[in-house]
Structures are given as structure tokens and as C-alpha cells.
N, C-alpha and C. Protein backbone atom coordinates (compact mmCIF):
# COMPACT_ATOMS: atom_id res chain seq x y z
N MET A 1 -82.52 123.09 1.69
CA MET A 1 -81.70 123.55 2.84
C MET A 1 -81.57 125.14 2.78
N ASN A 2 -81.78 125.80 3.85
CA ASN A 2 -81.71 127.22 3.93
C ASN A 2 -80.27 127.74 3.71
N LYS A 3 -80.13 128.95 3.13
CA LYS A 3 -78.83 129.46 2.87
C LYS A 3 -77.95 129.64 4.14
N ILE A 4 -78.65 129.88 5.31
CA ILE A 4 -77.90 130.01 6.57
C ILE A 4 -77.31 128.64 6.96
N VAL A 5 -78.04 127.59 6.70
CA VAL A 5 -77.50 126.26 7.03
C VAL A 5 -76.32 125.91 6.10
N ILE A 6 -76.49 126.26 4.82
CA ILE A 6 -75.46 126.06 3.83
C ILE A 6 -74.16 126.78 4.20
N GLU A 7 -74.31 128.07 4.63
CA GLU A 7 -73.17 128.88 5.02
C GLU A 7 -72.53 128.27 6.25
N THR A 8 -73.31 127.82 7.23
CA THR A 8 -72.77 127.19 8.44
C THR A 8 -72.01 125.93 8.06
N LYS A 9 -72.56 125.14 7.15
CA LYS A 9 -71.91 123.89 6.70
C LYS A 9 -70.55 124.21 6.09
N GLU A 10 -70.52 125.23 5.20
CA GLU A 10 -69.24 125.56 4.54
C GLU A 10 -68.20 126.20 5.46
N LEU A 11 -68.66 127.10 6.35
CA LEU A 11 -67.72 127.82 7.22
C LEU A 11 -67.29 127.05 8.50
N LEU A 12 -68.10 126.04 8.84
CA LEU A 12 -67.84 125.33 10.08
C LEU A 12 -67.75 123.84 9.91
N PHE A 13 -68.83 123.19 9.52
CA PHE A 13 -68.89 121.70 9.48
C PHE A 13 -67.86 121.13 8.53
N ASP A 14 -67.73 121.69 7.31
CA ASP A 14 -66.83 121.18 6.36
C ASP A 14 -65.36 121.38 6.84
N LYS A 15 -65.08 122.57 7.39
CA LYS A 15 -63.70 122.86 7.87
C LYS A 15 -63.31 121.95 9.05
N CYS A 16 -64.27 121.52 9.78
CA CYS A 16 -63.97 120.59 10.93
C CYS A 16 -64.06 119.13 10.55
N ASN A 17 -64.44 118.87 9.30
CA ASN A 17 -64.65 117.47 8.84
C ASN A 17 -65.69 116.77 9.64
N PHE A 18 -66.70 117.53 10.06
CA PHE A 18 -67.83 116.90 10.82
C PHE A 18 -68.71 116.17 9.78
N GLU A 19 -69.22 115.08 10.26
CA GLU A 19 -70.16 114.28 9.39
C GLU A 19 -71.56 114.97 9.59
N PHE A 20 -72.07 115.56 8.53
CA PHE A 20 -73.33 116.36 8.50
C PHE A 20 -74.34 115.50 7.76
N SER A 21 -75.43 115.01 8.45
CA SER A 21 -76.35 114.12 7.82
C SER A 21 -77.79 114.29 8.33
N ASN A 22 -78.68 113.59 7.68
CA ASN A 22 -80.08 113.51 8.05
C ASN A 22 -80.76 114.87 8.30
N ILE A 23 -80.58 115.81 7.38
CA ILE A 23 -81.15 117.10 7.52
C ILE A 23 -82.65 117.11 7.19
N GLU A 24 -83.40 117.78 8.07
CA GLU A 24 -84.83 118.03 7.90
C GLU A 24 -85.15 119.49 8.15
N ILE A 25 -85.98 120.06 7.34
CA ILE A 25 -86.46 121.40 7.56
C ILE A 25 -87.71 121.34 8.40
N GLU A 26 -87.76 122.15 9.44
CA GLU A 26 -88.94 122.23 10.35
C GLU A 26 -89.78 123.43 9.88
N LYS A 27 -90.85 123.18 9.17
CA LYS A 27 -91.68 124.25 8.62
C LYS A 27 -92.30 125.16 9.65
N GLN A 28 -92.61 124.63 10.81
CA GLN A 28 -93.32 125.38 11.80
C GLN A 28 -92.53 126.57 12.41
N SER A 29 -91.20 126.47 12.35
CA SER A 29 -90.40 127.54 12.82
C SER A 29 -89.44 128.01 11.73
N SER A 30 -89.96 128.09 10.49
CA SER A 30 -89.15 128.51 9.37
C SER A 30 -88.62 129.94 9.48
N GLU A 31 -89.37 130.76 10.18
CA GLU A 31 -89.01 132.15 10.39
C GLU A 31 -87.62 132.23 11.11
N TYR A 32 -87.31 131.18 11.85
CA TYR A 32 -86.01 131.11 12.55
C TYR A 32 -85.11 130.02 12.00
N CYS A 33 -85.30 129.74 10.69
CA CYS A 33 -84.46 128.77 9.97
C CYS A 33 -84.39 127.43 10.69
N ALA A 34 -85.44 126.95 11.18
CA ALA A 34 -85.49 125.70 12.00
C ALA A 34 -85.18 124.48 11.15
N HIS A 35 -84.20 123.72 11.61
CA HIS A 35 -83.76 122.49 10.97
C HIS A 35 -83.43 121.43 12.02
N ARG A 36 -83.47 120.23 11.65
CA ARG A 36 -82.91 119.11 12.46
C ARG A 36 -81.89 118.45 11.60
N PHE A 37 -80.73 118.05 12.18
CA PHE A 37 -79.75 117.29 11.48
C PHE A 37 -78.86 116.55 12.48
N GLU A 38 -77.93 115.84 11.94
CA GLU A 38 -76.94 115.18 12.83
C GLU A 38 -75.53 115.64 12.50
N ILE A 39 -74.77 115.85 13.48
CA ILE A 39 -73.34 116.10 13.40
C ILE A 39 -72.60 114.94 14.12
N ASN A 40 -71.86 114.16 13.37
CA ASN A 40 -71.15 113.00 13.92
C ASN A 40 -72.10 112.16 14.89
N LYS A 41 -73.27 111.92 14.39
CA LYS A 41 -74.31 111.09 15.07
C LYS A 41 -74.99 111.84 16.24
N GLN A 42 -74.62 113.08 16.53
CA GLN A 42 -75.28 113.85 17.59
C GLN A 42 -76.53 114.51 16.95
N LYS A 43 -77.60 114.38 17.55
CA LYS A 43 -78.88 114.93 17.05
C LYS A 43 -78.94 116.40 17.44
N VAL A 44 -79.09 117.28 16.41
CA VAL A 44 -79.05 118.71 16.58
C VAL A 44 -80.36 119.33 16.16
N LEU A 45 -80.85 120.26 17.05
CA LEU A 45 -81.93 121.17 16.70
C LEU A 45 -81.25 122.51 16.41
N PHE A 46 -81.62 123.09 15.29
CA PHE A 46 -80.88 124.32 14.75
C PHE A 46 -81.90 125.46 14.56
N ARG A 47 -81.52 126.60 15.06
CA ARG A 47 -82.29 127.82 14.84
C ARG A 47 -81.34 129.01 14.55
N SER A 48 -81.86 130.03 13.90
CA SER A 48 -81.09 131.22 13.66
C SER A 48 -81.82 132.38 14.41
N ALA A 49 -81.09 133.02 15.29
CA ALA A 49 -81.67 134.11 16.08
C ALA A 49 -81.83 135.40 15.25
N LYS A 50 -82.69 136.24 15.75
CA LYS A 50 -83.00 137.52 15.08
C LYS A 50 -82.61 138.72 15.92
N ILE A 51 -82.09 139.73 15.27
CA ILE A 51 -81.84 141.01 15.96
C ILE A 51 -83.21 141.71 16.13
N THR A 52 -83.43 142.26 17.30
CA THR A 52 -84.68 142.93 17.54
C THR A 52 -84.32 144.43 17.69
N PRO A 53 -85.27 145.32 17.33
CA PRO A 53 -84.93 146.76 17.29
C PRO A 53 -84.71 147.49 18.64
N THR A 54 -85.32 146.96 19.70
CA THR A 54 -85.29 147.73 20.96
C THR A 54 -84.41 147.12 22.08
N LYS A 55 -84.04 145.89 21.93
CA LYS A 55 -83.25 145.27 23.02
C LYS A 55 -81.90 144.70 22.49
N MET A 56 -80.95 144.73 23.36
CA MET A 56 -79.66 144.10 23.04
C MET A 56 -79.81 142.62 22.95
N GLY A 57 -78.95 141.96 22.25
CA GLY A 57 -79.02 140.49 22.10
C GLY A 57 -79.87 140.16 20.90
N GLN A 58 -80.02 138.88 20.70
CA GLN A 58 -80.86 138.36 19.61
C GLN A 58 -81.87 137.41 20.15
N PHE A 59 -83.04 137.37 19.54
CA PHE A 59 -84.15 136.53 20.07
C PHE A 59 -84.31 135.30 19.17
N VAL A 60 -84.66 134.17 19.80
CA VAL A 60 -84.94 132.97 19.05
C VAL A 60 -86.04 132.22 19.77
N THR A 61 -86.95 131.56 18.96
CA THR A 61 -87.97 130.71 19.52
C THR A 61 -87.46 129.26 19.73
N LEU A 62 -87.94 128.63 20.77
CA LEU A 62 -87.50 127.29 21.07
C LEU A 62 -88.74 126.47 21.43
N TRP A 63 -89.65 126.32 20.54
CA TRP A 63 -90.90 125.57 20.83
C TRP A 63 -91.17 124.51 19.76
N LYS A 64 -92.14 123.71 20.11
CA LYS A 64 -92.55 122.61 19.23
C LYS A 64 -94.07 122.55 19.27
N ARG A 65 -94.61 121.80 18.34
CA ARG A 65 -96.06 121.47 18.28
C ARG A 65 -96.19 120.00 18.08
N LYS A 66 -97.06 119.36 18.87
CA LYS A 66 -97.29 117.94 18.64
C LYS A 66 -97.93 117.67 17.31
N ASN A 67 -98.83 118.58 16.89
CA ASN A 67 -99.36 118.47 15.55
C ASN A 67 -99.83 119.90 15.10
N GLU A 68 -100.22 120.05 13.86
CA GLU A 68 -100.48 121.41 13.36
C GLU A 68 -101.63 122.18 14.09
N LYS A 69 -102.48 121.47 14.76
CA LYS A 69 -103.62 122.14 15.44
C LYS A 69 -103.32 122.35 16.91
N SER A 70 -102.31 121.79 17.47
CA SER A 70 -102.01 121.92 18.85
C SER A 70 -101.27 123.23 19.20
N SER A 71 -101.30 123.61 20.45
CA SER A 71 -100.60 124.83 20.89
C SER A 71 -99.07 124.60 20.91
N ILE A 72 -98.37 125.70 20.84
CA ILE A 72 -96.94 125.56 20.95
C ILE A 72 -96.57 125.21 22.42
N GLU A 73 -95.44 124.51 22.58
CA GLU A 73 -95.03 124.15 23.92
C GLU A 73 -93.52 124.06 23.87
N PRO A 74 -92.90 124.28 25.07
CA PRO A 74 -91.44 124.12 25.17
C PRO A 74 -91.00 122.72 24.88
N PHE A 75 -89.69 122.58 24.47
CA PHE A 75 -89.09 121.32 24.38
C PHE A 75 -89.00 120.69 25.78
N GLU A 76 -88.92 119.35 25.78
CA GLU A 76 -88.87 118.61 27.07
C GLU A 76 -87.59 117.77 27.09
N ILE A 77 -87.16 117.44 28.29
CA ILE A 77 -85.97 116.60 28.44
C ILE A 77 -86.04 115.29 27.70
N SER A 78 -87.23 114.78 27.48
CA SER A 78 -87.42 113.51 26.77
C SER A 78 -87.36 113.65 25.26
N ASP A 79 -87.37 114.84 24.75
CA ASP A 79 -87.30 115.06 23.26
C ASP A 79 -85.96 114.49 22.73
N ASN A 80 -86.03 114.02 21.53
CA ASN A 80 -84.89 113.33 20.98
C ASN A 80 -83.87 114.28 20.27
N PHE A 81 -83.02 114.89 21.02
CA PHE A 81 -81.93 115.72 20.56
C PHE A 81 -80.84 115.74 21.60
N ASP A 82 -79.64 116.05 21.13
CA ASP A 82 -78.46 116.16 22.01
C ASP A 82 -78.01 117.59 22.21
N LEU A 83 -78.06 118.37 21.09
CA LEU A 83 -77.60 119.74 21.11
C LEU A 83 -78.60 120.68 20.50
N PHE A 84 -78.69 121.87 21.04
CA PHE A 84 -79.53 122.93 20.50
C PHE A 84 -78.56 124.03 20.00
N VAL A 85 -78.48 124.22 18.69
CA VAL A 85 -77.51 125.15 18.07
C VAL A 85 -78.32 126.39 17.64
N ILE A 86 -77.81 127.55 18.07
CA ILE A 86 -78.43 128.86 17.67
C ILE A 86 -77.43 129.73 17.00
N ASN A 87 -77.65 129.99 15.72
CA ASN A 87 -76.77 130.89 14.95
C ASN A 87 -77.12 132.34 15.29
N VAL A 88 -76.07 133.14 15.38
CA VAL A 88 -76.23 134.60 15.57
C VAL A 88 -75.34 135.28 14.56
N LYS A 89 -75.84 136.41 14.04
CA LYS A 89 -75.15 137.01 12.93
C LYS A 89 -75.44 138.52 12.90
N THR A 90 -74.41 139.31 12.60
CA THR A 90 -74.64 140.72 12.19
C THR A 90 -73.90 140.86 10.80
N GLU A 91 -73.80 142.13 10.37
CA GLU A 91 -73.13 142.35 9.09
C GLU A 91 -71.67 141.95 9.15
N THR A 92 -71.07 142.11 10.33
CA THR A 92 -69.60 141.87 10.47
C THR A 92 -69.24 140.68 11.40
N ASN A 93 -70.22 140.10 12.05
CA ASN A 93 -69.93 138.96 13.02
C ASN A 93 -70.82 137.77 12.73
N PHE A 94 -70.31 136.61 13.00
CA PHE A 94 -71.02 135.37 12.82
C PHE A 94 -70.55 134.40 13.92
N GLY A 95 -71.48 133.73 14.51
CA GLY A 95 -71.15 132.69 15.54
C GLY A 95 -72.36 131.90 15.84
N GLN A 96 -72.16 130.97 16.84
CA GLN A 96 -73.31 130.18 17.27
C GLN A 96 -73.10 129.71 18.69
N PHE A 97 -74.23 129.46 19.28
CA PHE A 97 -74.26 128.86 20.62
C PHE A 97 -74.54 127.39 20.41
N VAL A 98 -73.77 126.54 21.03
CA VAL A 98 -73.95 125.12 20.94
C VAL A 98 -74.29 124.58 22.32
N PHE A 99 -75.58 124.54 22.65
CA PHE A 99 -76.01 124.20 23.99
C PHE A 99 -76.34 122.71 24.08
N PRO A 100 -75.65 121.99 25.00
CA PRO A 100 -76.11 120.63 25.33
C PRO A 100 -77.49 120.65 25.95
N LYS A 101 -78.32 119.65 25.75
CA LYS A 101 -79.59 119.57 26.36
C LYS A 101 -79.55 119.77 27.84
N SER A 102 -78.59 119.16 28.50
CA SER A 102 -78.49 119.22 29.98
C SER A 102 -78.34 120.65 30.48
N VAL A 103 -77.62 121.47 29.77
CA VAL A 103 -77.42 122.85 30.14
C VAL A 103 -78.74 123.64 30.02
N LEU A 104 -79.48 123.32 29.03
CA LEU A 104 -80.80 124.03 28.81
C LEU A 104 -81.78 123.57 29.90
N VAL A 105 -81.67 122.35 30.36
CA VAL A 105 -82.55 121.90 31.44
C VAL A 105 -82.11 122.66 32.71
N GLU A 106 -80.82 122.71 32.97
CA GLU A 106 -80.28 123.38 34.15
C GLU A 106 -80.70 124.83 34.21
N GLN A 107 -80.77 125.46 33.04
CA GLN A 107 -81.13 126.89 32.97
C GLN A 107 -82.64 127.11 32.95
N GLY A 108 -83.45 126.06 32.97
CA GLY A 108 -84.87 126.19 32.95
C GLY A 108 -85.51 126.45 31.59
N ILE A 109 -84.72 126.20 30.56
CA ILE A 109 -85.20 126.47 29.18
C ILE A 109 -85.91 125.24 28.58
N ILE A 110 -85.43 124.06 28.91
CA ILE A 110 -86.07 122.83 28.50
C ILE A 110 -86.89 122.34 29.72
N THR A 111 -88.08 121.83 29.40
CA THR A 111 -89.01 121.30 30.48
C THR A 111 -88.43 120.03 31.09
N ASP A 112 -88.35 120.08 32.42
CA ASP A 112 -88.02 118.88 33.21
C ASP A 112 -89.07 118.78 34.27
N LYS A 113 -88.77 119.33 35.46
CA LYS A 113 -89.74 119.30 36.54
C LYS A 113 -90.66 120.51 36.45
N LYS A 114 -90.16 121.60 35.84
CA LYS A 114 -91.02 122.78 35.64
C LYS A 114 -91.04 123.11 34.14
N GLU A 115 -92.06 123.88 33.75
CA GLU A 115 -92.22 124.18 32.34
C GLU A 115 -91.07 125.04 31.84
N GLY A 116 -90.52 124.73 30.67
CA GLY A 116 -89.47 125.49 30.06
C GLY A 116 -89.95 126.69 29.35
N LYS A 117 -89.11 127.26 28.45
CA LYS A 117 -89.45 128.53 27.75
C LYS A 117 -89.68 128.24 26.30
N ARG A 118 -90.46 129.16 25.72
CA ARG A 118 -90.74 129.02 24.29
C ARG A 118 -89.84 129.92 23.45
N GLY A 119 -89.04 130.72 24.05
CA GLY A 119 -88.13 131.60 23.38
C GLY A 119 -87.12 132.17 24.34
N ILE A 120 -85.93 132.51 23.85
CA ILE A 120 -84.91 133.14 24.68
C ILE A 120 -84.21 134.19 23.92
N ARG A 121 -83.50 135.03 24.70
CA ARG A 121 -82.55 135.99 24.07
C ARG A 121 -81.19 135.48 24.35
N VAL A 122 -80.38 135.55 23.28
CA VAL A 122 -78.99 135.14 23.39
C VAL A 122 -78.07 136.36 23.18
N TYR A 123 -76.95 136.33 23.84
CA TYR A 123 -75.99 137.47 23.85
C TYR A 123 -74.63 137.06 23.41
N PRO A 124 -74.36 137.24 22.12
CA PRO A 124 -73.02 136.85 21.65
C PRO A 124 -71.90 137.77 22.21
N ILE A 125 -70.68 137.34 22.04
CA ILE A 125 -69.56 138.03 22.59
C ILE A 125 -69.47 139.50 22.18
N TRP A 126 -69.98 139.87 21.04
CA TRP A 126 -69.84 141.24 20.58
C TRP A 126 -70.96 142.10 21.12
N ASP A 127 -71.89 141.60 21.84
CA ASP A 127 -72.97 142.39 22.44
C ASP A 127 -72.57 142.86 23.86
N PHE A 128 -72.70 144.18 24.08
CA PHE A 128 -72.36 144.72 25.44
C PHE A 128 -73.68 145.27 25.96
N THR A 129 -73.97 144.89 27.16
CA THR A 129 -75.27 145.28 27.78
C THR A 129 -75.02 145.85 29.20
N GLU A 130 -75.90 146.71 29.61
CA GLU A 130 -75.86 147.26 30.97
C GLU A 130 -76.77 146.49 31.92
N SER A 131 -77.75 145.75 31.40
CA SER A 131 -78.72 145.06 32.22
C SER A 131 -78.00 143.97 33.02
N LYS A 132 -78.31 143.94 34.34
CA LYS A 132 -77.71 142.89 35.19
C LYS A 132 -78.13 141.50 34.76
N GLN A 133 -79.44 141.33 34.47
CA GLN A 133 -79.94 140.05 34.07
C GLN A 133 -79.31 139.61 32.73
N ALA A 134 -79.17 140.54 31.79
CA ALA A 134 -78.57 140.17 30.49
C ALA A 134 -77.09 139.84 30.67
N LYS A 135 -76.37 140.51 31.53
CA LYS A 135 -74.97 140.15 31.79
C LYS A 135 -74.87 138.78 32.43
N LYS A 136 -75.78 138.47 33.38
CA LYS A 136 -75.77 137.18 33.99
C LYS A 136 -76.04 136.07 32.97
N THR A 137 -77.00 136.30 32.08
CA THR A 137 -77.34 135.34 31.02
C THR A 137 -76.18 135.20 30.08
N GLN A 138 -75.62 136.25 29.65
CA GLN A 138 -74.51 136.23 28.76
C GLN A 138 -73.31 135.45 29.29
N LYS A 139 -73.08 135.63 30.58
CA LYS A 139 -71.96 134.95 31.23
C LYS A 139 -72.03 133.43 31.08
N TRP A 140 -73.20 132.82 31.36
CA TRP A 140 -73.25 131.32 31.19
C TRP A 140 -73.34 130.94 29.73
N GLN A 141 -73.99 131.82 28.87
CA GLN A 141 -74.12 131.46 27.47
C GLN A 141 -72.76 131.42 26.74
N LEU A 142 -71.85 132.31 27.08
CA LEU A 142 -70.59 132.36 26.36
C LEU A 142 -69.72 131.14 26.57
N ASP A 143 -69.96 130.33 27.62
CA ASP A 143 -69.28 129.10 27.75
C ASP A 143 -69.59 128.12 26.59
N TYR A 144 -70.65 128.41 25.84
CA TYR A 144 -71.11 127.55 24.75
C TYR A 144 -71.08 128.25 23.43
N PHE A 145 -70.32 129.36 23.34
CA PHE A 145 -70.27 130.16 22.11
C PHE A 145 -69.06 129.86 21.27
N LEU A 146 -69.29 129.81 19.97
CA LEU A 146 -68.24 129.62 19.00
C LEU A 146 -68.26 130.72 17.95
N LYS A 147 -67.19 131.46 17.84
CA LYS A 147 -67.11 132.50 16.80
C LYS A 147 -66.75 131.80 15.48
N ILE A 148 -67.49 132.15 14.43
CA ILE A 148 -67.25 131.58 13.12
C ILE A 148 -66.76 132.73 12.24
N PRO A 149 -65.48 132.82 12.02
CA PRO A 149 -64.95 133.96 11.28
C PRO A 149 -65.17 133.83 9.76
N PHE A 150 -65.39 134.97 9.15
CA PHE A 150 -65.58 134.96 7.64
C PHE A 150 -64.20 134.86 6.97
N ASP A 151 -63.20 135.47 7.54
CA ASP A 151 -61.93 135.62 6.86
C ASP A 151 -60.73 135.33 7.73
N GLU A 152 -60.91 134.65 8.85
CA GLU A 152 -59.83 134.27 9.75
C GLU A 152 -59.90 132.73 9.95
N THR A 153 -58.97 132.28 10.66
CA THR A 153 -58.87 130.81 10.94
C THR A 153 -59.91 130.44 12.01
N LEU A 154 -60.67 129.41 11.72
CA LEU A 154 -61.65 128.88 12.64
C LEU A 154 -60.97 128.14 13.76
N ASP A 155 -61.45 128.38 14.99
CA ASP A 155 -60.92 127.64 16.17
C ASP A 155 -61.52 126.19 16.15
N ILE A 156 -60.86 125.33 15.45
CA ILE A 156 -61.41 123.89 15.28
C ILE A 156 -61.45 123.20 16.64
N ASN A 157 -60.45 123.44 17.48
CA ASN A 157 -60.47 122.78 18.77
C ASN A 157 -61.72 123.18 19.61
N ARG A 158 -62.04 124.43 19.50
CA ARG A 158 -63.28 124.93 20.27
C ARG A 158 -64.50 124.26 19.66
N ALA A 159 -64.56 124.23 18.32
CA ALA A 159 -65.70 123.61 17.68
C ALA A 159 -65.82 122.16 18.08
N GLU A 160 -64.78 121.42 18.08
CA GLU A 160 -64.79 120.03 18.48
C GLU A 160 -65.18 119.85 19.93
N LEU A 161 -64.73 120.75 20.80
CA LEU A 161 -65.09 120.70 22.21
C LEU A 161 -66.58 120.88 22.36
N LEU A 162 -67.15 121.89 21.70
CA LEU A 162 -68.59 122.18 21.82
C LEU A 162 -69.47 121.09 21.12
N TYR A 163 -69.08 120.67 19.94
CA TYR A 163 -69.94 119.71 19.20
C TYR A 163 -69.72 118.24 19.62
N LEU A 164 -68.50 117.90 19.92
CA LEU A 164 -68.22 116.48 20.15
C LEU A 164 -67.97 116.15 21.60
N LYS A 165 -67.10 116.85 22.25
CA LYS A 165 -66.75 116.49 23.62
C LYS A 165 -67.85 116.82 24.59
N ASN A 166 -68.52 117.98 24.44
CA ASN A 166 -69.63 118.33 25.32
C ASN A 166 -70.74 117.30 25.26
N SER A 167 -71.03 116.85 24.11
CA SER A 167 -72.16 115.95 23.92
C SER A 167 -71.78 114.52 24.45
N ILE A 168 -70.50 114.19 24.43
CA ILE A 168 -70.08 112.93 24.97
C ILE A 168 -70.17 112.96 26.52
N LEU A 169 -69.81 114.06 27.07
CA LEU A 169 -69.79 114.27 28.53
C LEU A 169 -71.20 114.17 29.12
N ILE A 170 -72.23 114.57 28.34
CA ILE A 170 -73.57 114.68 28.91
C ILE A 170 -74.37 113.42 28.76
N LYS A 171 -73.84 112.40 28.06
CA LYS A 171 -74.62 111.19 27.82
C LYS A 171 -74.54 110.22 29.03
């Protein structure tokens, strides 16, 4: 298990008493700390976004391969997961986006009737941008954002809303 997943478990899942199980490392996206696991029986795809040198926000890949020799392709609505969790971190900030599959379909990120995306940029609450498109993207993304403090009290109610209640509502 990657140190980012361990840190997330200690700072979030353990504090919320979430049942964390069935962890699998996804080797094909290891650069983005790709894992699959379950939180209270919700199937989670997990990635860690990266800071890029020239653009605001953090970038993360959201693709799969059917086998090692096939091309990368976006996730589809029929793929077996409930939540897509993307960790974001700087030296002084830590948080994550907890996106229900239905929201990613609505935003055109997961393939449904049209092809989805293989990567996206995420904009945590501490990122300020002048770009109209980035502001628009950040606006909908922040509805699914959870700040994970290093030395303050975690908002457990918000964590439960994002991990447990959101996923119940979308089923």
C-alpha cells in the first residue's frame, strides 16, 4: 500500500471509523498512486493528483486498459465502482475530491453516450485562478471536496456525506 493511501487511511478513514477493505494496487497508473478499495462496501477508484509547473490546479489521469497491450481508454458508466476519489496535496494543504460516478458521467468525464476523458485537472479550495473555464470547473468540483487537516479537527459530517450519503443517493 502506497504511503499516500496509508496517510489517507490514518487521517481520514480511521478517524471516521470507515470500514476500509479489499485494497488492490493498480500498477498501470502507479504514477498517480492508483488503487482500488472499498469504504463501507462502496467501491472506490483512488488516484493522487500532481501539481504541474505551468498551470493552476492539479492533474490526474482517469483511464484504464482492458489488458497490457491495449490502448488506454476512459472509464465507462458500466465499470464496477461507486466513487472516484482524487487526493490533492501541497506542502501545507491536503484534501480530496470524492466524486460519485453519476457526477462524472454528468460532467462528461466517464463514458456514457459520448466518450469520456482520460485525464482531468482538479482545483482544490486553496487554488485561485483567473481562467473562466477553471473557475467554472472548480465551482462544481468543490461540491465534492473534503479538506483533510494535518493538525485540526476533521469535518466528519462532511466526510460521511461525501463517502456514505452521496453514494447511497446515486444507487
